[in-house]
PDB file of N, CA and C in Angstrom:
ATOM      1  N   MET A   1       0.833  -1.175   0.000  1.00  0.00           N
ATOM      2  CA  MET A   1       0.000   0.000   0.000  1.00  0.00           C
ATOM      3  C   MET A   1       0.879   1.240   0.000  1.00  0.00           C
ATOM      4  N   LEU A   2       0.467   2.243  -0.707  1.00  0.00           N
ATOM      5  CA  LEU A   2       1.227   3.485  -0.774  1.00  0.00           C
ATOM      6  C   LEU A   2       1.224   4.176   0.584  1.00  0.00           C
ATOM      7  N   PRO A   3       2.363   4.791   0.962  1.00  0.00           N
ATOM      8  CA  PRO A   3       2.449   5.443   2.270  1.00  0.00           C
ATOM      9  C   PRO A   3       1.366   6.492   2.506  1.00  0.00           C
ATOM     10  N   ASP A   4       1.042   7.299   1.495  1.00  0.00           N
ATOM     11  CA  ASP A   4       0.006   8.320   1.661  1.00  0.00           C
ATOM     12  C   ASP A   4      -1.336   7.684   1.991  1.00  0.00           C
ATOM     13  N   ARG A   5      -1.636   6.602   1.316  1.00  0.00           N
ATOM     14  CA  ARG A   5      -2.913   5.896   1.554  1.00  0.00           C
ATOM     15  C   ARG A   5      -2.917   5.295   2.956  1.00  0.00           C
ATOM     16  N   LEU A   6      -1.806   4.750   3.390  1.00  0.00           N
ATOM     17  CA  LEU A   6      -1.728   4.187   4.734  1.00  0.00           C
ATOM     18  C   LEU A   6      -1.918   5.284   5.773  1.00  0.00           C
ATOM     19  N   ASP A   7      -1.259   6.427   5.588  1.00  0.00           N
ATOM     20  CA  ASP A   7      -1.439   7.544   6.519  1.00  0.00           C
ATOM     21  C   ASP A   7      -2.898   7.972   6.573  1.00  0.00           C
ATOM     22  N   GLN A   8      -3.558   7.977   5.434  1.00  0.00           N
ATOM     23  CA  GLN A   8      -4.968   8.359   5.381  1.00  0.00           C
ATOM     24  C   GLN A   8      -5.831   7.356   6.145  1.00  0.00           C
ATOM     25  N   ARG A   9      -5.570   6.078   5.980  1.00  0.00           N
ATOM     26  CA  ARG A   9      -6.334   5.049   6.687  1.00  0.00           C
ATOM     27  C   ARG A   9      -6.071   5.101   8.180  1.00  0.00           C
ATOM     28  N   ILE A  10      -4.824   5.375   8.573  1.00  0.00           N
ATOM     29  CA  ILE A  10      -4.496   5.520   9.990  1.00  0.00           C
ATOM     30  C   ILE A  10      -5.254   6.712  10.574  1.00  0.00           C
ATOM     31  N   ALA A  11      -5.257   7.819   9.857  1.00  0.00           N
ATOM     32  CA  ALA A  11      -5.962   9.020  10.329  1.00  0.00           C
ATOM     33  C   ALA A  11      -7.453   8.740  10.494  1.00  0.00           C
ATOM     34  N   GLU A  12      -8.047   8.045   9.559  1.00  0.00           N
ATOM     35  CA  GLU A  12      -9.470   7.718   9.658  1.00  0.00           C
ATOM     36  C   GLU A  12      -9.754   6.824  10.867  1.00  0.00           C
ATOM     37  N   ALA A  13      -8.885   5.856  11.116  1.00  0.00           N
ATOM     38  CA  ALA A  13      -9.064   4.982  12.277  1.00  0.00           C
ATOM     39  C   ALA A  13      -8.958   5.769  13.578  1.00  0.00           C
ATOM     40  N   ILE A  14      -8.034   6.708  13.638  1.00  0.00           N
ATOM     41  CA  ILE A  14      -7.867   7.535  14.839  1.00  0.00           C
ATOM     42  C   ILE A  14      -9.077   8.448  15.018  1.00  0.00           C
ATOM     43  N   LYS A  15      -9.568   9.047  13.948  1.00  0.00           N
ATOM     44  CA  LYS A  15     -10.767   9.890  14.026  1.00  0.00           C
ATOM     45  C   LYS A  15     -11.959   9.091  14.552  1.00  0.00           C
ATOM     46  N   HIS A  16     -12.098   7.878  14.059  1.00  0.00           N
ATOM     47  CA  HIS A  16     -13.191   7.009  14.496  1.00  0.00           C
ATOM     48  C   HIS A  16     -13.063   6.697  15.993  1.00  0.00           C
ATOM     49  N   GLN A  17     -11.857   6.395  16.429  1.00  0.00           N
ATOM     50  CA  GLN A  17     -11.622   6.092  17.842  1.00  0.00           C
ATOM     51  C   GLN A  17     -11.964   7.301  18.719  1.00  0.00           C
ATOM     52  N   LEU A  18     -11.534   8.487  18.320  1.00  0.00           N
ATOM     53  CA  LEU A  18     -11.845   9.702  19.089  1.00  0.00           C
ATOM     54  C   LEU A  18     -13.346   9.954  19.139  1.00  0.00           C
ATOM     55  N   ALA A  19     -14.027   9.731  18.044  1.00  0.00           N
ATOM     56  CA  ALA A  19     -15.478   9.920  18.024  1.00  0.00           C
ATOM     57  C   ALA A  19     -16.153   8.981  19.012  1.00  0.00           C
ATOM     58  N   ASP A  20     -15.681   7.739  19.087  1.00  0.00           N
ATOM     59  CA  ASP A  20     -16.227   6.779  20.051  1.00  0.00           C
ATOM     60  C   ASP A  20     -15.960   7.224  21.488  1.00  0.00           C
ATOM     61  N   GLU A  21     -14.761   7.722  21.744  1.00  0.00           N
ATOM     62  CA  GLU A  21     -14.371   8.139  23.090  1.00  0.00           C
ATOM     63  C   GLU A  21     -15.079   9.422  23.511  1.00  0.00           C
ATOM     64  N   ARG A  22     -15.419  10.265  22.567  1.00  0.00           N
ATOM     65  CA  ARG A  22     -16.017  11.568  22.864  1.00  0.00           C
ATOM     66  C   ARG A  22     -17.301  11.420  23.680  1.00  0.00           C
ATOM     67  N   GLY A  23     -18.061  10.389  23.415  1.00  0.00           N
ATOM     68  CA  GLY A  23     -19.331  10.189  24.105  1.00  0.00           C
ATOM     69  C   GLY A  23     -19.194   9.765  25.553  1.00  0.00           C
ATOM     70  N   VAL A  24     -18.047   9.231  25.926  1.00  0.00           N
ATOM     71  CA  VAL A  24     -17.872   8.731  27.297  1.00  0.00           C
ATOM     72  C   VAL A  24     -16.753   9.445  28.045  1.00  0.00           C
ATOM     73  N   SER A  25     -16.211  10.483  27.461  1.00  0.00           N
ATOM     74  CA  SER A  25     -15.093  11.208  28.071  1.00  0.00           C
ATOM     75  C   SER A  25     -15.521  12.603  28.502  1.00  0.00           C
ATOM     76  N   ASP A  26     -14.812  13.123  29.482  1.00  0.00           N
ATOM     77  CA  ASP A  26     -14.991  14.523  29.890  1.00  0.00           C
ATOM     78  C   ASP A  26     -14.216  15.369  28.899  1.00  0.00           C
ATOM     79  N   THR A  27     -14.912  15.896  27.930  1.00  0.00           N
ATOM     80  CA  THR A  27     -14.252  16.625  26.857  1.00  0.00           C
ATOM     81  C   THR A  27     -13.815  18.024  27.258  1.00  0.00           C
ATOM     82  N   THR A  28     -14.025  18.387  28.515  1.00  0.00           N
ATOM     83  CA  THR A  28     -13.557  19.685  29.010  1.00  0.00           C
ATOM     84  C   THR A  28     -12.268  19.548  29.818  1.00  0.00           C
ATOM     85  N   SER A  29     -11.792  18.322  29.975  1.00  0.00           N
ATOM     86  CA  SER A  29     -10.624  18.084  30.820  1.00  0.00           C
ATOM     87  C   SER A  29      -9.302  18.303  30.086  1.00  0.00           C
ATOM     88  N   GLU A  30      -8.268  18.517  30.865  1.00  0.00           N
ATOM     89  CA  GLU A  30      -6.912  18.639  30.318  1.00  0.00           C
ATOM     90  C   GLU A  30      -6.488  17.324  29.658  1.00  0.00           C
ATOM     91  N   ALA A  31      -6.905  16.201  30.242  1.00  0.00           N
ATOM     92  CA  ALA A  31      -6.556  14.891  29.674  1.00  0.00           C
ATOM     93  C   ALA A  31      -7.139  14.738  28.263  1.00  0.00           C
ATOM     94  N   TRP A  32      -8.373  15.197  28.078  1.00  0.00           N
ATOM     95  CA  TRP A  32      -8.995  15.113  26.753  1.00  0.00           C
ATOM     96  C   TRP A  32      -8.273  16.022  25.758  1.00  0.00           C
ATOM     97  N   ARG A  33      -7.926  17.224  26.197  1.00  0.00           N
ATOM     98  CA  ARG A  33      -7.203  18.147  25.323  1.00  0.00           C
ATOM     99  C   ARG A  33      -5.880  17.526  24.887  1.00  0.00           C
ATOM    100  N   SER A  34      -5.174  16.917  25.828  1.00  0.00           N
ATOM    101  CA  SER A  34      -3.897  16.271  25.514  1.00  0.00           C
ATOM    102  C   SER A  34      -4.098  15.097  24.564  1.00  0.00           C
ATOM    103  N   ARG A  35      -5.157  14.338  24.797  1.00  0.00           N
ATOM    104  CA  ARG A  35      -5.457  13.194  23.934  1.00  0.00           C
ATOM    105  C   ARG A  35      -5.728  13.668  22.505  1.00  0.00           C
ATOM    106  N   CYS A  36      -6.507  14.730  22.377  1.00  0.00           N
ATOM    107  CA  CYS A  36      -6.823  15.266  21.045  1.00  0.00           C
ATOM    108  C   CYS A  36      -5.577  15.821  20.348  1.00  0.00           C
ATOM    109  N   GLU A  37      -4.706  16.470  21.114  1.00  0.00           N
ATOM    110  CA  GLU A  37      -3.475  16.988  20.519  1.00  0.00           C
ATOM    111  C   GLU A  37      -2.613  15.840  20.006  1.00  0.00           C
ATOM    112  N   ALA A  38      -2.461  14.801  20.818  1.00  0.00           N
ATOM    113  CA  ALA A  38      -1.666  13.647  20.397  1.00  0.00           C
ATOM    114  C   ALA A  38      -2.301  12.962  19.197  1.00  0.00           C
ATOM    115  N   ALA A  39      -3.630  12.887  19.178  1.00  0.00           N
ATOM    116  CA  ALA A  39      -4.321  12.267  18.051  1.00  0.00           C
ATOM    117  C   ALA A  39      -4.104  13.065  16.771  1.00  0.00           C
ATOM    118  N   THR A  40      -4.153  14.374  16.889  1.00  0.00           N
ATOM    119  CA  THR A  40      -3.903  15.225  15.723  1.00  0.00           C
ATOM    120  C   THR A  40      -2.494  14.988  15.190  1.00  0.00           C
ATOM    121  N   VAL A  41      -1.531  14.943  16.080  1.00  0.00           N
ATOM    122  CA  VAL A  41      -0.143  14.696  15.680  1.00  0.00           C
ATOM    123  C   VAL A  41      -0.016  13.304  15.065  1.00  0.00           C
ATOM    124  N   ALA A  42      -0.724  12.336  15.612  1.00  0.00           N
ATOM    125  CA  ALA A  42      -0.667  10.963  15.096  1.00  0.00           C
ATOM    126  C   ALA A  42      -1.192  10.880  13.665  1.00  0.00           C
ATOM    127  N   MET A  43      -2.053  11.797  13.290  1.00  0.00           N
ATOM    128  CA  MET A  43      -2.610  11.790  11.938  1.00  0.00           C
ATOM    129  C   MET A  43      -1.704  12.466  10.919  1.00  0.00           C
ATOM    130  N   PHE A  44      -0.649  13.125  11.372  1.00  0.00           N
ATOM    131  CA  PHE A  44       0.295  13.782  10.473  1.00  0.00           C
ATOM    132  C   PHE A  44       1.182  12.746   9.781  1.00  0.00           C
ATOM    133  N   SER A  45       1.767  13.140   8.667  1.00  0.00           N
ATOM    134  CA  SER A  45       2.770  12.311   8.001  1.00  0.00           C
ATOM    135  C   SER A  45       4.042  12.306   8.863  1.00  0.00           C
ATOM    136  N   ASP A  46       4.976  11.443   8.538  1.00  0.00           N
ATOM    137  CA  ASP A  46       6.235  11.376   9.297  1.00  0.00           C
ATOM    138  C   ASP A  46       6.929  12.733   9.348  1.00  0.00           C
ATOM    139  N   ALA A  47       7.016  13.395   8.194  1.00  0.00           N
ATOM    140  CA  ALA A  47       7.705  14.691   8.136  1.00  0.00           C
ATOM    141  C   ALA A  47       6.962  15.740   8.956  1.00  0.00           C
ATOM    142  N   GLU A  48       5.649  15.778   8.850  1.00  0.00           N
ATOM    143  CA  GLU A  48       4.859  16.749   9.611  1.00  0.00           C
ATOM    144  C   GLU A  48       4.978  16.510  11.115  1.00  0.00           C
ATOM    145  N   ARG A  49       4.964  15.235  11.515  1.00  0.00           N
ATOM    146  CA  ARG A  49       5.124  14.912  12.951  1.00  0.00           C
ATOM    147  C   ARG A  49       6.473  15.392  13.454  1.00  0.00           C
ATOM    148  N   SER A  50       7.508  15.175  12.676  1.00  0.00           N
ATOM    149  CA  SER A  50       8.854  15.578  13.071  1.00  0.00           C
ATOM    150  C   SER A  50       8.944  17.087  13.281  1.00  0.00           C
ATOM    151  N   VAL A  51       8.383  17.840  12.349  1.00  0.00           N
ATOM    152  CA  VAL A  51       8.402  19.300  12.449  1.00  0.00           C
ATOM    153  C   VAL A  51       7.607  19.757  13.672  1.00  0.00           C
ATOM    154  N   PHE A  52       6.432  19.190  13.854  1.00  0.00           N
ATOM    155  CA  PHE A  52       5.589  19.581  14.985  1.00  0.00           C
ATOM    156  C   PHE A  52       6.282  19.285  16.312  1.00  0.00           C
ATOM    157  N   ILE A  53       6.831  18.102  16.445  1.00  0.00           N
ATOM    158  CA  ILE A  53       7.507  17.722  17.691  1.00  0.00           C
ATOM    159  C   ILE A  53       8.699  18.637  17.948  1.00  0.00           C
ATOM    160  N   HIS A  54       9.436  18.978  16.910  1.00  0.00           N
ATOM    161  CA  HIS A  54      10.572  19.894  17.061  1.00  0.00           C
ATOM    162  C   HIS A  54      10.098  21.248  17.582  1.00  0.00           C
ATOM    163  N   ARG A  55       9.008  21.744  17.025  1.00  0.00           N
ATOM    164  CA  ARG A  55       8.475  23.047  17.466  1.00  0.00           C
ATOM    165  C   ARG A  55       7.968  22.991  18.903  1.00  0.00           C
ATOM    166  N   VAL A  56       7.328  21.903  19.277  1.00  0.00           N
ATOM    167  CA  VAL A  56       6.871  21.757  20.663  1.00  0.00           C
ATOM    168  C   VAL A  56       8.073  21.735  21.594  1.00  0.00           C
ATOM    169  N   SER A  57       9.115  21.037  21.194  1.00  0.00           N
ATOM    170  CA  SER A  57      10.328  20.970  22.009  1.00  0.00           C
ATOM    171  C   SER A  57      10.912  22.366  22.245  1.00  0.00           C
ATOM    172  N   GLU A  58      10.921  23.174  21.205  1.00  0.00           N
ATOM    173  CA  GLU A  58      11.446  24.537  21.327  1.00  0.00           C
ATOM    174  C   GLU A  58      10.566  25.423  22.203  1.00  0.00           C
ATOM    175  N   ARG A  59       9.262  25.263  22.088  1.00  0.00           N
ATOM    176  CA  ARG A  59       8.334  26.168  22.770  1.00  0.00           C
ATOM    177  C   ARG A  59       7.919  25.698  24.156  1.00  0.00           C
ATOM    178  N   ARG A  60       7.770  24.375  24.321  1.00  0.00           N
ATOM    179  CA  ARG A  60       7.237  23.863  25.581  1.00  0.00           C
ATOM    180  C   ARG A  60       8.186  22.926  26.312  1.00  0.00           C
ATOM    181  N   GLY A  61       9.311  22.631  25.693  1.00  0.00           N
ATOM    182  CA  GLY A  61      10.313  21.793  26.326  1.00  0.00           C
ATOM    183  C   GLY A  61      10.307  20.363  25.813  1.00  0.00           C
ATOM    184  N   SER A  62      11.430  19.699  26.063  1.00  0.00           N
ATOM    185  CA  SER A  62      11.598  18.345  25.532  1.00  0.00           C
ATOM    186  C   SER A  62      10.679  17.332  26.201  1.00  0.00           C
ATOM    187  N   ALA A  63      10.344  17.540  27.458  1.00  0.00           N
ATOM    188  CA  ALA A  63       9.447  16.596  28.148  1.00  0.00           C
ATOM    189  C   ALA A  63       8.055  16.615  27.500  1.00  0.00           C
ATOM    190  N   ALA A  64       7.545  17.800  27.229  1.00  0.00           N
ATOM    191  CA  ALA A  64       6.233  17.916  26.575  1.00  0.00           C
ATOM    192  C   ALA A  64       6.278  17.299  25.181  1.00  0.00           C
ATOM    193  N   ALA A  65       7.340  17.566  24.447  1.00  0.00           N
ATOM    194  CA  ALA A  65       7.486  17.024  23.100  1.00  0.00           C
ATOM    195  C   ALA A  65       7.538  15.501  23.131  1.00  0.00           C
ATOM    196  N   HIS A  66       8.297  14.964  24.080  1.00  0.00           N
ATOM    197  CA  HIS A  66       8.420  13.507  24.191  1.00  0.00           C
ATOM    198  C   HIS A  66       7.071  12.872  24.540  1.00  0.00           C
ATOM    199  N   GLU A  67       6.326  13.505  25.427  1.00  0.00           N
ATOM    200  CA  GLU A  67       5.020  12.966  25.822  1.00  0.00           C
ATOM    201  C   GLU A  67       4.061  12.934  24.627  1.00  0.00           C
ATOM    202  N   ILE A  68       4.002  14.015  23.878  1.00  0.00           N
ATOM    203  CA  ILE A  68       3.134  14.066  22.703  1.00  0.00           C
ATOM    204  C   ILE A  68       3.572  13.027  21.677  1.00  0.00           C
ATOM    205  N   GLU A  69       4.874  12.964  21.435  1.00  0.00           N
ATOM    206  CA  GLU A  69       5.398  12.011  20.458  1.00  0.00           C
ATOM    207  C   GLU A  69       5.081  10.570  20.860  1.00  0.00           C
ATOM    208  N   SER A  70       5.261  10.265  22.129  1.00  0.00           N
ATOM    209  CA  SER A  70       4.992   8.922  22.629  1.00  0.00           C
ATOM    210  C   SER A  70       3.517   8.559  22.489  1.00  0.00           C
ATOM    211  N   HIS A  71       2.633   9.463  22.882  1.00  0.00           N
ATOM    212  CA  HIS A  71       1.196   9.196  22.760  1.00  0.00           C
ATOM    213  C   HIS A  71       0.776   9.085  21.300  1.00  0.00           C
ATOM    214  N   ALA A  72       1.335   9.919  20.453  1.00  0.00           N
ATOM    215  CA  ALA A  72       1.005   9.857  19.026  1.00  0.00           C
ATOM    216  C   ALA A  72       1.443   8.524  18.427  1.00  0.00           C
ATOM    217  N   GLU A  73       2.620   8.066  18.782  1.00  0.00           N
ATOM    218  CA  GLU A  73       3.103   6.778  18.262  1.00  0.00           C
ATOM    219  C   GLU A  73       2.235   5.627  18.753  1.00  0.00           C
ATOM    220  N   THR A  74       1.790   5.703  20.004  1.00  0.00           N
ATOM    221  CA  THR A  74       0.900   4.670  20.538  1.00  0.00           C
ATOM    222  C   THR A  74      -0.421   4.655  19.774  1.00  0.00           C
ATOM    223  N   LEU A  75      -0.969   5.832  19.521  1.00  0.00           N
ATOM    224  CA  LEU A  75      -2.214   5.912  18.757  1.00  0.00           C
ATOM    225  C   LEU A  75      -2.038   5.363  17.348  1.00  0.00           C
ATOM    226  N   ARG A  76      -0.918   5.685  16.708  1.00  0.00           N
ATOM    227  CA  ARG A  76      -0.659   5.166  15.363  1.00  0.00           C
ATOM    228  C   ARG A  76      -0.518   3.647  15.383  1.00  0.00           C
ATOM    229  N   THR A  77       0.200   3.133  16.364  1.00  0.00           N
ATOM    230  CA  THR A  77       0.378   1.680  16.466  1.00  0.00           C
ATOM    231  C   THR A  77      -0.969   0.992  16.673  1.00  0.00           C
ATOM    232  N   ASN A  78      -1.795   1.537  17.573  1.00  0.00           N
ATOM    233  CA  ASN A  78      -3.113   0.957  17.806  1.00  0.00           C
ATOM    234  C   ASN A  78      -3.962   0.997  16.543  1.00  0.00           C
ATOM    235  N   ALA A  79      -3.886   2.088  15.803  1.00  0.00           N
ATOM    236  CA  ALA A  79      -4.648   2.204  14.551  1.00  0.00           C
ATOM    237  C   ALA A  79      -4.168   1.178  13.529  1.00  0.00           C
ATOM    238  N   ILE A  80      -2.877   0.971  13.446  1.00  0.00           N
ATOM    239  CA  ILE A  80      -2.333  -0.015  12.501  1.00  0.00           C
ATOM    240  C   ILE A  80      -2.808  -1.420  12.870  1.00  0.00           C
ATOM    241  N   PHE A  81      -2.783  -1.751  14.159  1.00  0.00           N
ATOM    242  CA  PHE A  81      -3.293  -3.058  14.584  1.00  0.00           C
ATOM    243  C   PHE A  81      -4.776  -3.199  14.273  1.00  0.00           C
ATOM    244  N   PHE A  82      -5.543  -2.134  14.506  1.00  0.00           N
ATOM    245  CA  PHE A  82      -6.968  -2.146  14.189  1.00  0.00           C
ATOM    246  C   PHE A  82      -7.175  -2.401  12.697  1.00  0.00           C
ATOM    247  N   LEU A  83      -6.424  -1.696  11.870  1.00  0.00           N
ATOM    248  CA  LEU A  83      -6.567  -1.863  10.420  1.00  0.00           C
ATOM    249  C   LEU A  83      -6.142  -3.253   9.965  1.00  0.00           C
ATOM    250  N   ALA A  84      -5.131  -3.809  10.608  1.00  0.00           N
ATOM    251  CA  ALA A  84      -4.649  -5.141  10.232  1.00  0.00           C
ATOM    252  C   ALA A  84      -5.699  -6.221  10.562  1.00  0.00           C
ATOM    253  N   MET A  85      -6.471  -5.986  11.610  1.00  0.00           N
ATOM    254  CA  MET A  85      -7.461  -6.979  12.029  1.00  0.00           C
ATOM    255  C   MET A  85      -8.803  -6.774  11.339  1.00  0.00           C
ATOM    256  N   LYS A  86      -8.995  -5.612  10.744  1.00  0.00           N
ATOM    257  CA  LYS A  86     -10.258  -5.266  10.091  1.00  0.00           C
ATOM    258  C   LYS A  86     -10.350  -6.009   8.756  1.00  0.00           C
ATOM    259  N   PRO A  87     -11.478  -6.669   8.517  1.00  0.00           N
ATOM    260  CA  PRO A  87     -11.637  -7.329   7.204  1.00  0.00           C
ATOM    261  C   PRO A  87     -11.641  -6.280   6.080  1.00  0.00           C
ATOM    262  N   SER A  88     -11.046  -6.607   4.964  1.00  0.00           N
ATOM    263  CA  SER A  88     -10.953  -5.669   3.835  1.00  0.00           C
ATOM    264  C   SER A  88     -12.248  -5.371   3.191  1.00  0.00           C
TER     265      SER A  88
END
């Protein structure tokens, strides 16, 4: 599969997951805001994620950047597993 198409499918899976969580989550909380930020980053291409994480590191520090990067990678991994198990 072409990388662009895979990124698109990953983004769709993450959007679907967030929509499911929205109904049972406190969407006014800091945890939800952080989750949405990480999800947005997870939907970026590799190059876009790299640029975003670099900018966060400069503006908010390396700990914040690492946390976002880690959560985004987890979301991407979960989406890939979901897509792999989903019937075509």
